[in-house]
Amino acid sequence: MVRIPDGNLMRVLFAALREGLRFLYFKRRVAELRQTPAVPAGTLLYVFSLAPSMPALLRACRSLQPGPRHLIVYPDPPLGTGVFEAANALVSDYAPPGTQLTTPNTLAVEQG
């Protein structure tokens, strides 16, 4: 959702185009991330195109099946202090063991 205060059609179209391109760029980045050693073979990714809300994270955690390693990936920047800790607590309580909440940059730094 994008707020355009004056309703200018060109601004609406530009905002929609910008959000669409941002989503496609992130989707491509996640596909490239799968090719790196940061994501071992067999790892299942749950991908958000925006920073996830707590209800969205809860739905994601409940939909994950026990089994291989899971990563919940969302775009940079990382969630703020306090929000990230709360989100991690939610993931550790409701997701299968070993599930990690991360961003592509954070994952690359941890592995590299």
PDB file of N, CA and C in Angstrom:
ATOM      1  N   MET A   1       0.853  -1.158   0.000  1.00  0.00           N
ATOM      2  CA  MET A   1       0.000   0.000   0.000  1.00  0.00           C
ATOM      3  C   MET A   1       0.905   1.229   0.000  1.00  0.00           C
ATOM      4  N   VAL A   2       0.544   2.187  -0.804  1.00  0.00           N
ATOM      5  CA  VAL A   2       1.306   3.419  -0.918  1.00  0.00           C
ATOM      6  C   VAL A   2       0.354   4.587  -0.743  1.00  0.00           C
ATOM      7  N   ARG A   3       0.757   5.564   0.049  1.00  0.00           N
ATOM      8  CA  ARG A   3      -0.084   6.739   0.274  1.00  0.00           C
ATOM      9  C   ARG A   3       0.367   7.851  -0.674  1.00  0.00           C
ATOM     10  N   ILE A   4      -0.563   8.329  -1.498  1.00  0.00           N
ATOM     11  CA  ILE A   4      -0.321   9.454  -2.397  1.00  0.00           C
ATOM     12  C   ILE A   4      -1.322  10.532  -1.995  1.00  0.00           C
ATOM     13  N   PRO A   5      -0.878  11.580  -1.286  1.00  0.00           N
ATOM     14  CA  PRO A   5      -1.829  12.546  -0.712  1.00  0.00           C
ATOM     15  C   PRO A   5      -2.638  13.327  -1.735  1.00  0.00           C
ATOM     16  N   ASP A   6      -2.081  13.637  -2.907  1.00  0.00           N
ATOM     17  CA  ASP A   6      -2.825  14.477  -3.848  1.00  0.00           C
ATOM     18  C   ASP A   6      -3.550  13.680  -4.927  1.00  0.00           C
ATOM     19  N   GLY A   7      -3.346  12.347  -4.982  1.00  0.00           N
ATOM     20  CA  GLY A   7      -4.041  11.517  -5.952  1.00  0.00           C
ATOM     21  C   GLY A   7      -3.550  11.677  -7.378  1.00  0.00           C
ATOM     22  N   ASN A   8      -2.397  12.288  -7.576  1.00  0.00           N
ATOM     23  CA  ASN A   8      -1.822  12.483  -8.902  1.00  0.00           C
ATOM     24  C   ASN A   8      -1.566  11.116  -9.536  1.00  0.00           C
ATOM     25  N   LEU A   9      -2.141  10.883 -10.715  1.00  0.00           N
ATOM     26  CA  LEU A   9      -2.047   9.583 -11.377  1.00  0.00           C
ATOM     27  C   LEU A   9      -0.601   9.205 -11.674  1.00  0.00           C
ATOM     28  N   MET A  10       0.230  10.144 -12.085  1.00  0.00           N
ATOM     29  CA  MET A  10       1.630   9.836 -12.392  1.00  0.00           C
ATOM     30  C   MET A  10       2.374   9.396 -11.129  1.00  0.00           C
ATOM     31  N   ARG A  11       2.085  10.009 -10.016  1.00  0.00           N
ATOM     32  CA  ARG A  11       2.725   9.591  -8.760  1.00  0.00           C
ATOM     33  C   ARG A  11       2.271   8.200  -8.351  1.00  0.00           C
ATOM     34  N   VAL A  12       1.009   7.905  -8.575  1.00  0.00           N
ATOM     35  CA  VAL A  12       0.484   6.578  -8.254  1.00  0.00           C
ATOM     36  C   VAL A  12       1.171   5.534  -9.126  1.00  0.00           C
ATOM     37  N   LEU A  13       1.264   5.796 -10.419  1.00  0.00           N
ATOM     38  CA  LEU A  13       1.913   4.856 -11.331  1.00  0.00           C
ATOM     39  C   LEU A  13       3.401   4.692 -10.995  1.00  0.00           C
ATOM     40  N   PHE A  14       4.072   5.796 -10.687  1.00  0.00           N
ATOM     41  CA  PHE A  14       5.481   5.722 -10.343  1.00  0.00           C
ATOM     42  C   PHE A  14       5.683   4.904  -9.067  1.00  0.00           C
ATOM     43  N   ALA A  15       4.840   5.114  -8.067  1.00  0.00           N
ATOM     44  CA  ALA A  15       4.953   4.358  -6.818  1.00  0.00           C
ATOM     45  C   ALA A  15       4.700   2.867  -7.062  1.00  0.00           C
ATOM     46  N   ALA A  16       3.718   2.549  -7.887  1.00  0.00           N
ATOM     47  CA  ALA A  16       3.428   1.144  -8.199  1.00  0.00           C
ATOM     48  C   ALA A  16       4.596   0.511  -8.954  1.00  0.00           C
ATOM     49  N   LEU A  17       5.160   1.227  -9.896  1.00  0.00           N
ATOM     50  CA  LEU A  17       6.305   0.727 -10.648  1.00  0.00           C
ATOM     51  C   LEU A  17       7.508   0.515  -9.723  1.00  0.00           C
ATOM     52  N   ARG A  18       7.761   1.468  -8.843  1.00  0.00           N
ATOM     53  CA  ARG A  18       8.875   1.365  -7.910  1.00  0.00           C
ATOM     54  C   ARG A  18       8.711   0.151  -6.991  1.00  0.00           C
ATOM     55  N   GLU A  19       7.520  -0.072  -6.463  1.00  0.00           N
ATOM     56  CA  GLU A  19       7.282  -1.221  -5.584  1.00  0.00           C
ATOM     57  C   GLU A  19       7.403  -2.537  -6.344  1.00  0.00           C
ATOM     58  N   GLY A  20       6.895  -2.569  -7.577  1.00  0.00           N
ATOM     59  CA  GLY A  20       7.021  -3.772  -8.394  1.00  0.00           C
ATOM     60  C   GLY A  20       8.471  -4.107  -8.693  1.00  0.00           C
ATOM     61  N   LEU A  21       9.256  -3.106  -9.052  1.00  0.00           N
ATOM     62  CA  LEU A  21      10.675  -3.334  -9.320  1.00  0.00           C
ATOM     63  C   LEU A  21      11.425  -3.737  -8.059  1.00  0.00           C
ATOM     64  N   ARG A  22      11.090  -3.136  -6.926  1.00  0.00           N
ATOM     65  CA  ARG A  22      11.733  -3.504  -5.669  1.00  0.00           C
ATOM     66  C   ARG A  22      11.462  -4.971  -5.341  1.00  0.00           C
ATOM     67  N   PHE A  23      10.225  -5.410  -5.544  1.00  0.00           N
ATOM     68  CA  PHE A  23       9.866  -6.799  -5.294  1.00  0.00           C
ATOM     69  C   PHE A  23      10.627  -7.741  -6.222  1.00  0.00           C
ATOM     70  N   LEU A  24      10.680  -7.422  -7.522  1.00  0.00           N
ATOM     71  CA  LEU A  24      11.384  -8.279  -8.475  1.00  0.00           C
ATOM     72  C   LEU A  24      12.883  -8.331  -8.186  1.00  0.00           C
ATOM     73  N   TYR A  25      13.462  -7.207  -7.771  1.00  0.00           N
ATOM     74  CA  TYR A  25      14.874  -7.180  -7.418  1.00  0.00           C
ATOM     75  C   TYR A  25      15.142  -8.086  -6.215  1.00  0.00           C
ATOM     76  N   PHE A  26      14.286  -8.019  -5.211  1.00  0.00           N
ATOM     77  CA  PHE A  26      14.473  -8.859  -4.032  1.00  0.00           C
ATOM     78  C   PHE A  26      14.293 -10.333  -4.387  1.00  0.00           C
ATOM     79  N   LYS A  27      13.323 -10.635  -5.236  1.00  0.00           N
ATOM     80  CA  LYS A  27      13.087 -12.011  -5.660  1.00  0.00           C
ATOM     81  C   LYS A  27      14.330 -12.561  -6.373  1.00  0.00           C
ATOM     82  N   ARG A  28      14.929 -11.753  -7.219  1.00  0.00           N
ATOM     83  CA  ARG A  28      16.152 -12.159  -7.924  1.00  0.00           C
ATOM     84  C   ARG A  28      17.307 -12.345  -6.935  1.00  0.00           C
ATOM     85  N   ARG A  29      17.388 -11.457  -5.969  1.00  0.00           N
ATOM     86  CA  ARG A  29      18.457 -11.544  -4.977  1.00  0.00           C
ATOM     87  C   ARG A  29      18.342 -12.830  -4.153  1.00  0.00           C
ATOM     88  N   VAL A  30      17.136 -13.212  -3.804  1.00  0.00           N
ATOM     89  CA  VAL A  30      16.933 -14.457  -3.055  1.00  0.00           C
ATOM     90  C   VAL A  30      17.297 -15.659  -3.925  1.00  0.00           C
ATOM     91  N   ALA A  31      16.949 -15.609  -5.209  1.00  0.00           N
ATOM     92  CA  ALA A  31      17.320 -16.701  -6.114  1.00  0.00           C
ATOM     93  C   ALA A  31      18.842 -16.836  -6.201  1.00  0.00           C
ATOM     94  N   GLU A  32      19.552 -15.714  -6.236  1.00  0.00           N
ATOM     95  CA  GLU A  32      21.016 -15.751  -6.261  1.00  0.00           C
ATOM     96  C   GLU A  32      21.565 -16.252  -4.926  1.00  0.00           C
ATOM     97  N   LEU A  33      20.895 -15.910  -3.840  1.00  0.00           N
ATOM     98  CA  LEU A  33      21.324 -16.346  -2.515  1.00  0.00           C
ATOM     99  C   LEU A  33      21.279 -17.866  -2.403  1.00  0.00           C
ATOM    100  N   ARG A  34      20.319 -18.484  -3.050  1.00  0.00           N
ATOM    101  CA  ARG A  34      20.202 -19.950  -3.028  1.00  0.00           C
ATOM    102  C   ARG A  34      21.420 -20.627  -3.649  1.00  0.00           C
ATOM    103  N   GLN A  35      22.121 -19.925  -4.530  1.00  0.00           N
ATOM    104  CA  GLN A  35      23.279 -20.486  -5.229  1.00  0.00           C
ATOM    105  C   GLN A  35      24.565 -20.406  -4.404  1.00  0.00           C
ATOM    106  N   THR A  36      24.544 -19.698  -3.278  1.00  0.00           N
ATOM    107  CA  THR A  36      25.752 -19.479  -2.488  1.00  0.00           C
ATOM    108  C   THR A  36      25.871 -20.507  -1.373  1.00  0.00           C
ATOM    109  N   PRO A  37      27.076 -20.629  -0.792  1.00  0.00           N
ATOM    110  CA  PRO A  37      27.245 -21.539   0.348  1.00  0.00           C
ATOM    111  C   PRO A  37      26.490 -21.080   1.604  1.00  0.00           C
ATOM    112  N   ALA A  38      26.007 -19.837   1.620  1.00  0.00           N
ATOM    113  CA  ALA A  38      25.265 -19.342   2.778  1.00  0.00           C
ATOM    114  C   ALA A  38      23.956 -20.101   2.978  1.00  0.00           C
ATOM    115  N   VAL A  39      23.433 -20.669   1.899  1.00  0.00           N
ATOM    116  CA  VAL A  39      22.191 -21.450   1.960  1.00  0.00           C
ATOM    117  C   VAL A  39      22.519 -22.878   1.512  1.00  0.00           C
ATOM    118  N   PRO A  40      22.772 -23.781   2.459  1.00  0.00           N
ATOM    119  CA  PRO A  40      23.105 -25.159   2.097  1.00  0.00           C
ATOM    120  C   PRO A  40      21.965 -25.837   1.335  1.00  0.00           C
ATOM    121  N   ALA A  41      22.328 -26.810   0.532  1.00  0.00           N
ATOM    122  CA  ALA A  41      21.322 -27.570  -0.220  1.00  0.00           C
ATOM    123  C   ALA A  41      20.323 -28.186   0.748  1.00  0.00           C
ATOM    124  N   GLY A  42      19.075 -28.167   0.376  1.00  0.00           N
ATOM    125  CA  GLY A  42      18.022 -28.743   1.205  1.00  0.00           C
ATOM    126  C   GLY A  42      17.382 -27.750   2.169  1.00  0.00           C
ATOM    127  N   THR A  43      17.922 -26.534   2.235  1.00  0.00           N
ATOM    128  CA  THR A  43      17.341 -25.512   3.104  1.00  0.00           C
ATOM    129  C   THR A  43      16.071 -24.974   2.468  1.00  0.00           C
ATOM    130  N   LEU A  44      15.016 -24.890   3.237  1.00  0.00           N
ATOM    131  CA  LEU A  44      13.762 -24.339   2.741  1.00  0.00           C
ATOM    132  C   LEU A  44      13.671 -22.869   3.131  1.00  0.00           C
ATOM    133  N   LEU A  45      13.309 -22.025   2.172  1.00  0.00           N
ATOM    134  CA  LEU A  45      13.198 -20.591   2.420  1.00  0.00           C
ATOM    135  C   LEU A  45      11.742 -20.178   2.436  1.00  0.00           C
ATOM    136  N   TYR A  46      11.392 -19.369   3.408  1.00  0.00           N
ATOM    137  CA  TYR A  46      10.089 -18.695   3.449  1.00  0.00           C
ATOM    138  C   TYR A  46      10.426 -17.232   3.260  1.00  0.00           C
ATOM    139  N   VAL A  47       9.965 -16.636   2.172  1.00  0.00           N
ATOM    140  CA  VAL A  47      10.411 -15.299   1.786  1.00  0.00           C
ATOM    141  C   VAL A  47       9.287 -14.285   1.925  1.00  0.00           C
ATOM    142  N   PHE A  48       9.589 -13.179   2.602  1.00  0.00           N
ATOM    143  CA  PHE A  48       8.698 -12.027   2.697  1.00  0.00           C
ATOM    144  C   PHE A  48       9.249 -10.940   1.775  1.00  0.00           C
ATOM    145  N   SER A  49       8.390 -10.220   1.085  1.00  0.00           N
ATOM    146  CA  SER A  49       8.856  -9.135   0.223  1.00  0.00           C
ATOM    147  C   SER A  49       8.975  -7.817   0.978  1.00  0.00           C
ATOM    148  N   LEU A  50       8.436  -7.764   2.191  1.00  0.00           N
ATOM    149  CA  LEU A  50       8.548  -6.605   3.085  1.00  0.00           C
ATOM    150  C   LEU A  50       8.932  -7.122   4.464  1.00  0.00           C
ATOM    151  N   ALA A  51       9.338  -6.229   5.344  1.00  0.00           N
ATOM    152  CA  ALA A  51       9.606  -6.642   6.725  1.00  0.00           C
ATOM    153  C   ALA A  51       8.316  -7.232   7.301  1.00  0.00           C
ATOM    154  N   PRO A  52       8.388  -8.419   7.869  1.00  0.00           N
ATOM    155  CA  PRO A  52       7.163  -9.086   8.319  1.00  0.00           C
ATOM    156  C   PRO A  52       6.600  -8.499   9.609  1.00  0.00           C
ATOM    157  N   SER A  53       5.283  -8.519   9.708  1.00  0.00           N
ATOM    158  CA  SER A  53       4.615  -8.156  10.959  1.00  0.00           C
ATOM    159  C   SER A  53       4.585  -9.399  11.839  1.00  0.00           C
ATOM    160  N   MET A  54       4.248  -9.222  13.086  1.00  0.00           N
ATOM    161  CA  MET A  54       4.182 -10.369  14.004  1.00  0.00           C
ATOM    162  C   MET A  54       3.108 -11.385  13.581  1.00  0.00           C
ATOM    163  N   PRO A  55       1.887 -10.927  13.192  1.00  0.00           N
ATOM    164  CA  PRO A  55       0.906 -11.920  12.733  1.00  0.00           C
ATOM    165  C   PRO A  55       1.366 -12.679  11.485  1.00  0.00           C
ATOM    166  N   ALA A  56       2.051 -11.992  10.569  1.00  0.00           N
ATOM    167  CA  ALA A  56       2.555 -12.665   9.366  1.00  0.00           C
ATOM    168  C   ALA A  56       3.631 -13.684   9.731  1.00  0.00           C
ATOM    169  N   LEU A  57       4.502 -13.330  10.660  1.00  0.00           N
ATOM    170  CA  LEU A  57       5.524 -14.278  11.115  1.00  0.00           C
ATOM    171  C   LEU A  57       4.893 -15.497  11.773  1.00  0.00           C
ATOM    172  N   LEU A  58       3.872 -15.281  12.573  1.00  0.00           N
ATOM    173  CA  LEU A  58       3.200 -16.396  13.226  1.00  0.00           C
ATOM    174  C   LEU A  58       2.590 -17.348  12.195  1.00  0.00           C
ATOM    175  N   ARG A  59       1.928 -16.792  11.171  1.00  0.00           N
ATOM    176  CA  ARG A  59       1.370 -17.635  10.102  1.00  0.00           C
ATOM    177  C   ARG A  59       2.472 -18.406   9.389  1.00  0.00           C
ATOM    178  N   ALA A  60       3.594 -17.740   9.124  1.00  0.00           N
ATOM    179  CA  ALA A  60       4.718 -18.407   8.454  1.00  0.00           C
ATOM    180  C   ALA A  60       5.258 -19.546   9.309  1.00  0.00           C
ATOM    181  N   CYS A  61       5.444 -19.286  10.583  1.00  0.00           N
ATOM    182  CA  CYS A  61       5.980 -20.314  11.489  1.00  0.00           C
ATOM    183  C   CYS A  61       5.061 -21.522  11.569  1.00  0.00           C
ATOM    184  N   ARG A  62       3.780 -21.278  11.630  1.00  0.00           N
ATOM    185  CA  ARG A  62       2.820 -22.387  11.719  1.00  0.00           C
ATOM    186  C   ARG A  62       2.726 -23.172  10.424  1.00  0.00           C
ATOM    187  N   SER A  63       3.082 -22.564   9.291  1.00  0.00           N
ATOM    188  CA  SER A  63       2.996 -23.264   8.008  1.00  0.00           C
ATOM    189  C   SER A  63       4.233 -24.110   7.713  1.00  0.00           C
ATOM    190  N   LEU A  64       5.331 -23.890   8.442  1.00  0.00           N
ATOM    191  CA  LEU A  64       6.558 -24.647   8.215  1.00  0.00           C
ATOM    192  C   LEU A  64       6.431 -26.046   8.792  1.00  0.00           C
ATOM    193  N   GLN A  65       6.849 -27.026   8.021  1.00  0.00           N
ATOM    194  CA  GLN A  65       6.801 -28.414   8.460  1.00  0.00           C
ATOM    195  C   GLN A  65       8.145 -28.812   9.054  1.00  0.00           C
ATOM    196  N   PRO A  66       8.164 -29.631  10.097  1.00  0.00           N
ATOM    197  CA  PRO A  66       9.449 -30.099  10.637  1.00  0.00           C
ATOM    198  C   PRO A  66      10.235 -30.828   9.549  1.00  0.00           C
ATOM    199  N   GLY A  67      11.521 -30.706   9.620  1.00  0.00           N
ATOM    200  CA  GLY A  67      12.361 -31.363   8.623  1.00  0.00           C
ATOM    201  C   GLY A  67      13.662 -30.629   8.446  1.00  0.00           C
ATOM    202  N   PRO A  68      13.992 -30.299   7.199  1.00  0.00           N
ATOM    203  CA  PRO A  68      15.286 -29.673   6.955  1.00  0.00           C
ATOM    204  C   PRO A  68      15.349 -28.266   7.547  1.00  0.00           C
ATOM    205  N   ARG A  69      16.503 -27.673   7.414  1.00  0.00           N
ATOM    206  CA  ARG A  69      16.710 -26.309   7.926  1.00  0.00           C
ATOM    207  C   ARG A  69      15.776 -25.333   7.229  1.00  0.00           C
ATOM    208  N   HIS A  70      15.232 -24.381   7.978  1.00  0.00           N
ATOM    209  CA  HIS A  70      14.346 -23.352   7.443  1.00  0.00           C
ATOM    210  C   HIS A  70      14.970 -21.981   7.659  1.00  0.00           C
ATOM    211  N   LEU A  71      14.822 -21.128   6.667  1.00  0.00           N
ATOM    212  CA  LEU A  71      15.202 -19.725   6.784  1.00  0.00           C
ATOM    213  C   LEU A  71      13.984 -18.878   6.455  1.00  0.00           C
ATOM    214  N   ILE A  72      13.692 -17.918   7.296  1.00  0.00           N
ATOM    215  CA  ILE A  72      12.661 -16.926   6.996  1.00  0.00           C
ATOM    216  C   ILE A  72      13.421 -15.667   6.603  1.00  0.00           C
ATOM    217  N   VAL A  73      13.294 -15.279   5.344  1.00  0.00           N
ATOM    218  CA  VAL A  73      14.090 -14.185   4.789  1.00  0.00           C
ATOM    219  C   VAL A  73      13.186 -13.005   4.460  1.00  0.00           C
ATOM    220  N   TYR A  74      13.651 -11.809   4.842  1.00  0.00           N
ATOM    221  CA  TYR A  74      12.947 -10.580   4.510  1.00  0.00           C
ATOM    222  C   TYR A  74      13.989  -9.553   4.067  1.00  0.00           C
ATOM    223  N   PRO A  75      13.582  -8.505   3.340  1.00  0.00           N
ATOM    224  CA  PRO A  75      14.552  -7.540   2.810  1.00  0.00           C
ATOM    225  C   PRO A  75      15.236  -6.718   3.897  1.00  0.00           C
ATOM    226  N   ASP A  76      16.426  -6.248   3.560  1.00  0.00           N
ATOM    227  CA  ASP A  76      17.127  -5.318   4.439  1.00  0.00           C
ATOM    228  C   ASP A  76      16.389  -3.997   4.445  1.00  0.00           C
ATOM    229  N   PRO A  77      16.481  -3.195   5.458  1.00  0.00           N
ATOM    230  CA  PRO A  77      17.313  -3.314   6.645  1.00  0.00           C
ATOM    231  C   PRO A  77      16.699  -4.266   7.659  1.00  0.00           C
ATOM    232  N   PRO A  78      17.544  -4.783   8.579  1.00  0.00           N
ATOM    233  CA  PRO A  78      17.024  -5.664   9.622  1.00  0.00           C
ATOM    234  C   PRO A  78      15.990  -4.943  10.494  1.00  0.00           C
ATOM    235  N   LEU A  79      15.142  -5.722  11.126  1.00  0.00           N
ATOM    236  CA  LEU A  79      14.167  -5.155  12.059  1.00  0.00           C
ATOM    237  C   LEU A  79      14.901  -4.422  13.167  1.00  0.00           C
ATOM    238  N   GLY A  80      14.274  -3.421  13.718  1.00  0.00           N
ATOM    239  CA  GLY A  80      14.893  -2.617  14.770  1.00  0.00           C
ATOM    240  C   GLY A  80      15.072  -3.382  16.068  1.00  0.00           C
ATOM    241  N   THR A  81      15.893  -2.821  16.932  1.00  0.00           N
ATOM    242  CA  THR A  81      16.137  -3.411  18.243  1.00  0.00           C
ATOM    243  C   THR A  81      14.815  -3.503  19.000  1.00  0.00           C
ATOM    244  N   GLY A  82      14.614  -4.590  19.646  1.00  0.00           N
ATOM    245  CA  GLY A  82      13.363  -4.828  20.367  1.00  0.00           C
ATOM    246  C   GLY A  82      12.391  -5.593  19.484  1.00  0.00           C
ATOM    247  N   VAL A  83      12.123  -5.073  18.300  1.00  0.00           N
ATOM    248  CA  VAL A  83      11.229  -5.767  17.354  1.00  0.00           C
ATOM    249  C   VAL A  83      11.894  -7.056  16.888  1.00  0.00           C
ATOM    250  N   PHE A  84      13.204  -6.983  16.583  1.00  0.00           N
ATOM    251  CA  PHE A  84      13.919  -8.177  16.126  1.00  0.00           C
ATOM    252  C   PHE A  84      13.947  -9.246  17.215  1.00  0.00           C
ATOM    253  N   GLU A  85      14.201  -8.837  18.459  1.00  0.00           N
ATOM    254  CA  GLU A  85      14.234  -9.793  19.560  1.00  0.00           C
ATOM    255  C   GLU A  85      12.866 -10.439  19.756  1.00  0.00           C
ATOM    256  N   ALA A  86      11.813  -9.655  19.660  1.00  0.00           N
ATOM    257  CA  ALA A  86      10.459 -10.193  19.794  1.00  0.00           C
ATOM    258  C   ALA A  86      10.147 -11.153  18.646  1.00  0.00           C
ATOM    259  N   ALA A  87      10.540 -10.785  17.443  1.00  0.00           N
ATOM    260  CA  ALA A  87      10.308 -11.651  16.279  1.00  0.00           C
ATOM    261  C   ALA A  87      11.093 -12.955  16.416  1.00  0.00           C
ATOM    262  N   ASN A  88      12.335 -12.875  16.883  1.00  0.00           N
ATOM    263  CA  ASN A  88      13.137 -14.087  17.092  1.00  0.00           C
ATOM    264  C   ASN A  88      12.523 -14.989  18.149  1.00  0.00           C
ATOM    265  N   ALA A  89      11.992 -14.392  19.217  1.00  0.00           N
ATOM    266  CA  ALA A  89      11.334 -15.180  20.255  1.00  0.00           C
ATOM    267  C   ALA A  89      10.108 -15.894  19.684  1.00  0.00           C
ATOM    268  N   LEU A  90       9.348 -15.203  18.865  1.00  0.00           N
ATOM    269  CA  LEU A  90       8.174 -15.807  18.234  1.00  0.00           C
ATOM    270  C   LEU A  90       8.598 -16.971  17.341  1.00  0.00           C
ATOM    271  N   VAL A  91       9.637 -16.770  16.533  1.00  0.00           N
ATOM    272  CA  VAL A  91      10.118 -17.826  15.633  1.00  0.00           C
ATOM    273  C   VAL A  91      10.621 -19.024  16.436  1.00  0.00           C
ATOM    274  N   SER A  92      11.367 -18.782  17.500  1.00  0.00           N
ATOM    275  CA  SER A  92      11.894 -19.907  18.278  1.00  0.00           C
ATOM    276  C   SER A  92      10.780 -20.681  18.994  1.00  0.00           C
ATOM    277  N   ASP A  93       9.675 -20.008  19.343  1.00  0.00           N
ATOM    278  CA  ASP A  93       8.564 -20.688  20.023  1.00  0.00           C
ATOM    279  C   ASP A  93       7.646 -21.449  19.072  1.00  0.00           C
ATOM    280  N   TYR A  94       7.426 -20.915  17.857  1.00  0.00           N
ATOM    281  CA  TYR A  94       6.395 -21.485  16.986  1.00  0.00           C
ATOM    282  C   TYR A  94       6.914 -22.183  15.730  1.00  0.00           C
ATOM    283  N   ALA A  95       8.137 -21.933  15.338  1.00  0.00           N
ATOM    284  CA  ALA A  95       8.681 -22.563  14.128  1.00  0.00           C
ATOM    285  C   ALA A  95       9.404 -23.850  14.500  1.00  0.00           C
ATOM    286  N   PRO A  96       9.634 -24.715  13.517  1.00  0.00           N
ATOM    287  CA  PRO A  96      10.412 -25.927  13.800  1.00  0.00           C
ATOM    288  C   PRO A  96      11.807 -25.564  14.326  1.00  0.00           C
ATOM    289  N   PRO A  97      12.403 -26.428  15.125  1.00  0.00           N
ATOM    290  CA  PRO A  97      13.738 -26.143  15.683  1.00  0.00           C
ATOM    291  C   PRO A  97      14.750 -25.830  14.577  1.00  0.00           C
ATOM    292  N   GLY A  98      15.597 -24.855  14.846  1.00  0.00           N
ATOM    293  CA  GLY A  98      16.644 -24.485  13.891  1.00  0.00           C
ATOM    294  C   GLY A  98      16.230 -23.456  12.866  1.00  0.00           C
ATOM    295  N   THR A  99      14.991 -22.991  12.911  1.00  0.00           N
ATOM    296  CA  THR A  99      14.531 -21.977  11.964  1.00  0.00           C
ATOM    297  C   THR A  99      15.191 -20.649  12.306  1.00  0.00           C
ATOM    298  N   GLN A 100      15.661 -19.953  11.267  1.00  0.00           N
ATOM    299  CA  GLN A 100      16.360 -18.690  11.470  1.00  0.00           C
ATOM    300  C   GLN A 100      15.647 -17.572  10.736  1.00  0.00           C
ATOM    301  N   LEU A 101      15.496 -16.424  11.398  1.00  0.00           N
ATOM    302  CA  LEU A 101      14.925 -15.212  10.818  1.00  0.00           C
ATOM    303  C   LEU A 101      16.093 -14.322  10.411  1.00  0.00           C
ATOM    304  N   THR A 102      16.163 -13.938   9.135  1.00  0.00           N
ATOM    305  CA  THR A 102      17.334 -13.203   8.666  1.00  0.00           C
ATOM    306  C   THR A 102      17.038 -12.369   7.431  1.00  0.00           C
ATOM    307  N   THR A 103      18.008 -11.527   7.079  1.00  0.00           N
ATOM    308  CA  THR A 103      17.989 -10.778   5.824  1.00  0.00           C
ATOM    309  C   THR A 103      19.135 -11.298   4.970  1.00  0.00           C
ATOM    310  N   PRO A 104      19.126 -11.056   3.663  1.00  0.00           N
ATOM    311  CA  PRO A 104      20.236 -11.526   2.827  1.00  0.00           C
ATOM    312  C   PRO A 104      21.601 -10.997   3.280  1.00  0.00           C
ATOM    313  N   ASN A 105      21.697  -9.714   3.611  1.00  0.00           N
ATOM    314  CA  ASN A 105      22.982  -9.154   4.040  1.00  0.00           C
ATOM    315  C   ASN A 105      23.455  -9.786   5.346  1.00  0.00           C
ATOM    316  N   THR A 106      22.548  -9.961   6.294  1.00  0.00           N
ATOM    317  CA  THR A 106      22.904 -10.562   7.577  1.00  0.00           C
ATOM    318  C   THR A 106      23.385 -11.996   7.369  1.00  0.00           C
ATOM    319  N   LEU A 107      22.709 -12.728   6.519  1.00  0.00           N
ATOM    320  CA  LEU A 107      23.086 -14.116   6.236  1.00  0.00           C
ATOM    321  C   LEU A 107      24.456 -14.177   5.585  1.00  0.00           C
ATOM    322  N   ALA A 108      24.726 -13.274   4.649  1.00  0.00           N
ATOM    323  CA  ALA A 108      26.028 -13.259   3.974  1.00  0.00           C
ATOM    324  C   ALA A 108      27.150 -12.938   4.949  1.00  0.00           C
ATOM    325  N   VAL A 109      26.914 -11.998   5.871  1.00  0.00           N
ATOM    326  CA  VAL A 109      27.942 -11.618   6.847  1.00  0.00           C
ATOM    327  C   VAL A 109      28.204 -12.761   7.811  1.00  0.00           C
ATOM    328  N   GLU A 110      27.151 -13.440   8.253  1.00  0.00           N
ATOM    329  CA  GLU A 110      27.311 -14.556   9.190  1.00  0.00           C
ATOM    330  C   GLU A 110      28.102 -15.699   8.573  1.00  0.00           C
ATOM    331  N   GLN A 111      27.917 -15.937   7.279  1.00  0.00           N
ATOM    332  CA  GLN A 111      28.569 -17.043   6.610  1.00  0.00           C
ATOM    333  C   GLN A 111      29.969 -16.700   6.113  1.00  0.00           C
ATOM    334  N   GLY A 112      30.226 -15.404   5.897  1.00  0.00           N
ATOM    335  CA  GLY A 112      31.478 -15.014   5.252  1.00  0.00           C
ATOM    336  C   GLY A 112      32.495 -14.516   6.175  1.00  0.00           C
TER     337      GLY A 112
END
